[in-house]
N, C-alpha and C. Protein backbone atom coordinates (compact mmCIF):
# COMPACT_ATOMS: atom_id res chain seq x y z
N UNK A 1 -6.77 7.68 7.63
CA UNK A 1 -7.88 8.61 7.52
C UNK A 1 -8.82 8.24 6.39
N UNK A 2 -8.92 6.99 6.10
CA UNK A 2 -9.81 6.54 5.05
C UNK A 2 -11.24 6.93 5.35
N UNK A 3 -11.95 7.34 4.27
CA UNK A 3 -13.36 7.63 4.40
C UNK A 3 -13.70 8.97 5.03
N UNK A 4 -12.67 9.76 5.40
CA UNK A 4 -12.94 11.05 6.01
C UNK A 4 -12.16 12.12 5.25
N UNK A 5 -12.72 13.32 5.24
CA UNK A 5 -12.00 14.43 4.65
C UNK A 5 -10.90 14.85 5.62
N UNK A 6 -9.71 15.06 5.11
CA UNK A 6 -8.64 15.48 6.00
C UNK A 6 -8.77 16.98 6.25
N UNK A 7 -8.14 17.47 7.32
CA UNK A 7 -8.37 18.83 7.75
C UNK A 7 -7.87 19.86 6.75
N UNK A 8 -6.75 19.64 6.07
CA UNK A 8 -6.29 20.57 5.05
C UNK A 8 -7.23 20.48 3.85
N UNK A 9 -7.45 21.61 3.21
CA UNK A 9 -8.39 21.62 2.09
C UNK A 9 -7.75 20.96 0.87
N UNK A 10 -8.13 19.74 0.64
CA UNK A 10 -7.69 19.00 -0.53
C UNK A 10 -8.72 19.20 -1.64
N UNK A 11 -8.33 18.95 -2.85
CA UNK A 11 -9.24 19.12 -3.98
C UNK A 11 -10.48 18.25 -3.83
N UNK A 12 -10.30 17.00 -3.39
CA UNK A 12 -11.48 16.12 -3.24
C UNK A 12 -12.44 16.64 -2.18
N UNK A 13 -11.91 17.31 -1.15
CA UNK A 13 -12.76 17.90 -0.12
C UNK A 13 -13.52 19.09 -0.69
N UNK A 14 -12.85 19.92 -1.48
CA UNK A 14 -13.50 21.07 -2.10
C UNK A 14 -14.62 20.61 -3.04
N UNK A 15 -14.38 19.54 -3.80
CA UNK A 15 -15.40 19.00 -4.69
C UNK A 15 -16.61 18.52 -3.88
N UNK A 16 -16.36 17.78 -2.81
CA UNK A 16 -17.46 17.28 -1.97
C UNK A 16 -18.26 18.44 -1.37
N UNK A 17 -17.56 19.47 -0.88
CA UNK A 17 -18.25 20.62 -0.28
C UNK A 17 -19.07 21.36 -1.33
N UNK A 18 -18.52 21.48 -2.52
CA UNK A 18 -19.24 22.19 -3.59
C UNK A 18 -20.50 21.43 -4.00
N UNK A 19 -20.41 20.14 -4.13
CA UNK A 19 -21.59 19.33 -4.46
C UNK A 19 -22.63 19.48 -3.36
N UNK A 20 -22.19 19.43 -2.13
CA UNK A 20 -23.09 19.57 -1.00
C UNK A 20 -23.79 20.94 -1.03
N UNK A 21 -23.02 22.00 -1.28
CA UNK A 21 -23.59 23.35 -1.37
C UNK A 21 -24.66 23.43 -2.46
N UNK A 22 -24.31 22.91 -3.62
CA UNK A 22 -25.23 22.99 -4.75
C UNK A 22 -26.50 22.17 -4.53
N UNK A 23 -26.35 21.01 -3.92
CA UNK A 23 -27.53 20.20 -3.61
C UNK A 23 -28.41 20.92 -2.60
N UNK A 24 -27.78 21.52 -1.59
CA UNK A 24 -28.54 22.23 -0.56
C UNK A 24 -29.30 23.41 -1.18
N UNK A 25 -28.64 24.17 -2.07
CA UNK A 25 -29.29 25.29 -2.75
C UNK A 25 -30.52 24.84 -3.52
N UNK A 26 -30.48 23.62 -4.03
CA UNK A 26 -31.57 23.10 -4.86
C UNK A 26 -32.52 22.18 -4.09
N UNK A 27 -32.31 22.08 -2.76
CA UNK A 27 -33.11 21.16 -1.94
C UNK A 27 -33.10 19.76 -2.55
N UNK A 28 -31.90 19.31 -2.93
CA UNK A 28 -31.74 18.03 -3.62
C UNK A 28 -30.94 17.07 -2.73
N UNK A 29 -31.41 15.84 -2.64
CA UNK A 29 -30.68 14.82 -1.90
C UNK A 29 -29.69 14.12 -2.84
N UNK A 30 -28.80 13.34 -2.25
CA UNK A 30 -27.88 12.55 -3.08
C UNK A 30 -28.66 11.59 -3.97
N UNK A 31 -29.74 11.06 -3.45
CA UNK A 31 -30.56 10.15 -4.25
C UNK A 31 -31.15 10.88 -5.46
N UNK A 32 -31.65 12.07 -5.25
CA UNK A 32 -32.20 12.85 -6.36
C UNK A 32 -31.10 13.21 -7.37
N UNK A 33 -29.90 13.51 -6.87
CA UNK A 33 -28.79 13.79 -7.76
C UNK A 33 -28.44 12.56 -8.59
N UNK A 34 -28.46 11.41 -7.95
CA UNK A 34 -28.24 10.15 -8.68
C UNK A 34 -29.26 9.99 -9.80
N UNK A 35 -30.54 10.22 -9.48
CA UNK A 35 -31.60 10.07 -10.48
C UNK A 35 -31.42 11.03 -11.65
N UNK A 36 -30.99 12.25 -11.36
CA UNK A 36 -30.85 13.26 -12.40
C UNK A 36 -29.54 13.14 -13.18
N UNK A 37 -28.49 12.66 -12.52
CA UNK A 37 -27.17 12.63 -13.16
C UNK A 37 -26.80 11.26 -13.74
N UNK A 38 -27.37 10.21 -13.15
CA UNK A 38 -27.00 8.86 -13.56
C UNK A 38 -25.72 8.35 -12.89
N UNK A 39 -25.11 9.18 -12.06
CA UNK A 39 -23.91 8.75 -11.33
C UNK A 39 -24.39 7.85 -10.18
N UNK A 40 -23.89 6.62 -10.10
CA UNK A 40 -24.37 5.69 -9.07
C UNK A 40 -24.27 6.27 -7.66
N UNK A 41 -25.24 5.90 -6.84
CA UNK A 41 -25.26 6.37 -5.45
C UNK A 41 -23.97 6.01 -4.72
N UNK A 42 -23.44 4.83 -4.99
CA UNK A 42 -22.21 4.42 -4.32
C UNK A 42 -21.05 5.35 -4.71
N UNK A 43 -21.01 5.78 -5.95
CA UNK A 43 -19.97 6.71 -6.39
C UNK A 43 -20.16 8.06 -5.72
N UNK A 44 -21.40 8.56 -5.69
CA UNK A 44 -21.67 9.83 -5.02
C UNK A 44 -21.29 9.77 -3.55
N UNK A 45 -21.62 8.68 -2.90
CA UNK A 45 -21.28 8.52 -1.49
C UNK A 45 -19.77 8.53 -1.27
N UNK A 46 -19.04 7.86 -2.16
CA UNK A 46 -17.59 7.82 -2.07
C UNK A 46 -17.01 9.22 -2.27
N UNK A 47 -17.55 9.97 -3.21
CA UNK A 47 -17.09 11.34 -3.46
C UNK A 47 -17.37 12.21 -2.24
N UNK A 48 -18.58 12.11 -1.71
CA UNK A 48 -18.98 12.96 -0.59
C UNK A 48 -18.22 12.65 0.69
N UNK A 49 -17.71 11.43 0.83
CA UNK A 49 -16.93 11.09 2.02
C UNK A 49 -15.44 11.32 1.79
N UNK A 50 -15.10 11.90 0.65
CA UNK A 50 -13.71 12.22 0.28
C UNK A 50 -12.83 10.99 0.20
N UNK A 51 -13.42 9.86 -0.12
CA UNK A 51 -12.65 8.63 -0.26
C UNK A 51 -12.08 8.49 -1.67
N UNK A 52 -12.45 9.38 -2.57
CA UNK A 52 -11.91 9.41 -3.93
C UNK A 52 -10.67 10.29 -3.91
N UNK A 53 -9.48 9.75 -4.13
CA UNK A 53 -8.30 10.61 -4.18
C UNK A 53 -8.33 11.51 -5.42
N UNK A 54 -8.94 11.01 -6.47
CA UNK A 54 -9.14 11.78 -7.70
C UNK A 54 -10.36 11.19 -8.41
N UNK A 55 -10.90 11.96 -9.33
CA UNK A 55 -12.07 11.47 -10.04
C UNK A 55 -11.97 11.83 -11.50
N UNK A 56 -12.68 11.07 -12.31
CA UNK A 56 -12.70 11.34 -13.74
C UNK A 56 -13.53 12.58 -14.02
N UNK A 57 -13.07 13.34 -14.95
CA UNK A 57 -13.78 14.54 -15.35
C UNK A 57 -15.19 14.20 -15.83
N UNK A 58 -15.35 13.05 -16.46
CA UNK A 58 -16.65 12.62 -16.95
C UNK A 58 -17.67 12.50 -15.81
N UNK A 59 -17.24 11.98 -14.66
CA UNK A 59 -18.15 11.85 -13.51
C UNK A 59 -18.57 13.24 -13.04
N UNK A 60 -17.62 14.15 -12.94
CA UNK A 60 -17.94 15.50 -12.51
C UNK A 60 -18.87 16.19 -13.52
N UNK A 61 -18.63 15.94 -14.79
CA UNK A 61 -19.49 16.50 -15.83
C UNK A 61 -20.92 15.98 -15.66
N UNK A 62 -21.08 14.69 -15.40
CA UNK A 62 -22.41 14.10 -15.22
C UNK A 62 -23.10 14.66 -13.98
N UNK A 63 -22.33 14.88 -12.92
CA UNK A 63 -22.88 15.50 -11.70
C UNK A 63 -23.37 16.90 -12.03
N UNK A 64 -22.57 17.66 -12.76
CA UNK A 64 -22.97 19.01 -13.16
C UNK A 64 -24.24 18.98 -14.01
N UNK A 65 -24.33 18.02 -14.91
CA UNK A 65 -25.55 17.87 -15.71
C UNK A 65 -26.76 17.65 -14.80
N UNK A 66 -26.60 16.81 -13.77
CA UNK A 66 -27.68 16.55 -12.84
C UNK A 66 -28.06 17.78 -12.02
N UNK A 67 -27.09 18.65 -11.81
CA UNK A 67 -27.33 19.90 -11.07
C UNK A 67 -27.77 21.02 -12.00
N UNK A 68 -27.79 20.75 -13.29
CA UNK A 68 -28.19 21.71 -14.32
C UNK A 68 -27.25 22.93 -14.36
N UNK A 69 -25.95 22.65 -14.25
CA UNK A 69 -24.94 23.69 -14.35
C UNK A 69 -23.80 23.18 -15.22
N UNK A 70 -22.94 24.08 -15.63
CA UNK A 70 -21.75 23.71 -16.37
C UNK A 70 -20.56 23.57 -15.45
N UNK A 71 -19.49 23.02 -15.98
CA UNK A 71 -18.27 22.87 -15.20
C UNK A 71 -17.73 24.23 -14.74
N UNK A 72 -17.86 25.24 -15.59
CA UNK A 72 -17.36 26.57 -15.24
C UNK A 72 -18.06 27.09 -13.99
N UNK A 73 -19.38 26.93 -13.91
CA UNK A 73 -20.12 27.38 -12.72
C UNK A 73 -19.72 26.55 -11.50
N UNK A 74 -19.52 25.26 -11.70
CA UNK A 74 -19.11 24.41 -10.58
C UNK A 74 -17.82 24.92 -9.96
N UNK A 75 -16.84 25.21 -10.79
CA UNK A 75 -15.53 25.63 -10.29
C UNK A 75 -15.42 27.12 -10.00
N UNK A 76 -16.50 27.88 -10.17
CA UNK A 76 -16.46 29.31 -9.89
C UNK A 76 -16.50 29.62 -8.39
N UNK A 77 -16.66 28.62 -7.57
CA UNK A 77 -16.72 28.79 -6.12
C UNK A 77 -15.35 29.19 -5.54
N UNK A 78 -15.35 30.02 -4.50
CA UNK A 78 -14.10 30.35 -3.81
C UNK A 78 -13.41 29.12 -3.20
N UNK A 79 -14.14 28.02 -3.07
CA UNK A 79 -13.52 26.79 -2.56
C UNK A 79 -12.33 26.36 -3.40
N UNK A 80 -12.33 26.75 -4.68
CA UNK A 80 -11.29 26.30 -5.60
C UNK A 80 -10.19 27.33 -5.83
N UNK A 81 -10.18 28.39 -5.01
CA UNK A 81 -9.10 29.37 -5.12
C UNK A 81 -7.78 28.67 -4.81
N UNK A 82 -6.79 28.92 -5.62
CA UNK A 82 -5.51 28.23 -5.51
C UNK A 82 -4.92 28.31 -4.09
N UNK A 83 -5.04 29.47 -3.47
CA UNK A 83 -4.45 29.64 -2.13
C UNK A 83 -5.20 28.86 -1.05
N UNK A 84 -6.38 28.38 -1.35
CA UNK A 84 -7.16 27.62 -0.37
C UNK A 84 -6.96 26.11 -0.49
N UNK A 85 -6.31 25.69 -1.57
CA UNK A 85 -6.13 24.25 -1.82
C UNK A 85 -4.72 23.81 -1.46
N UNK A 86 -4.66 22.64 -0.90
CA UNK A 86 -3.40 21.98 -0.63
C UNK A 86 -3.03 21.14 -1.84
N UNK A 87 -1.77 21.08 -2.18
CA UNK A 87 -1.34 20.22 -3.28
C UNK A 87 -1.38 18.85 -2.78
């Protein structure tokens, strides 16, 4: 299942969905997020396709900076509720 989000809600899938939600709210493309965050487009693409089994907190922090939010706001989504995530 490389390159695809698996059907159970994994943390990497929740992260990808949250980034997608936030970009959509801001009418922002991945390219615009790259320009604002400095996170390479290839890295963003890998994250969005759930091909990252885990990611560095620094990358997520930079993405949040590009979205003009803090980590707390990023993780405030119901996507990250413990009962919704698979270990």
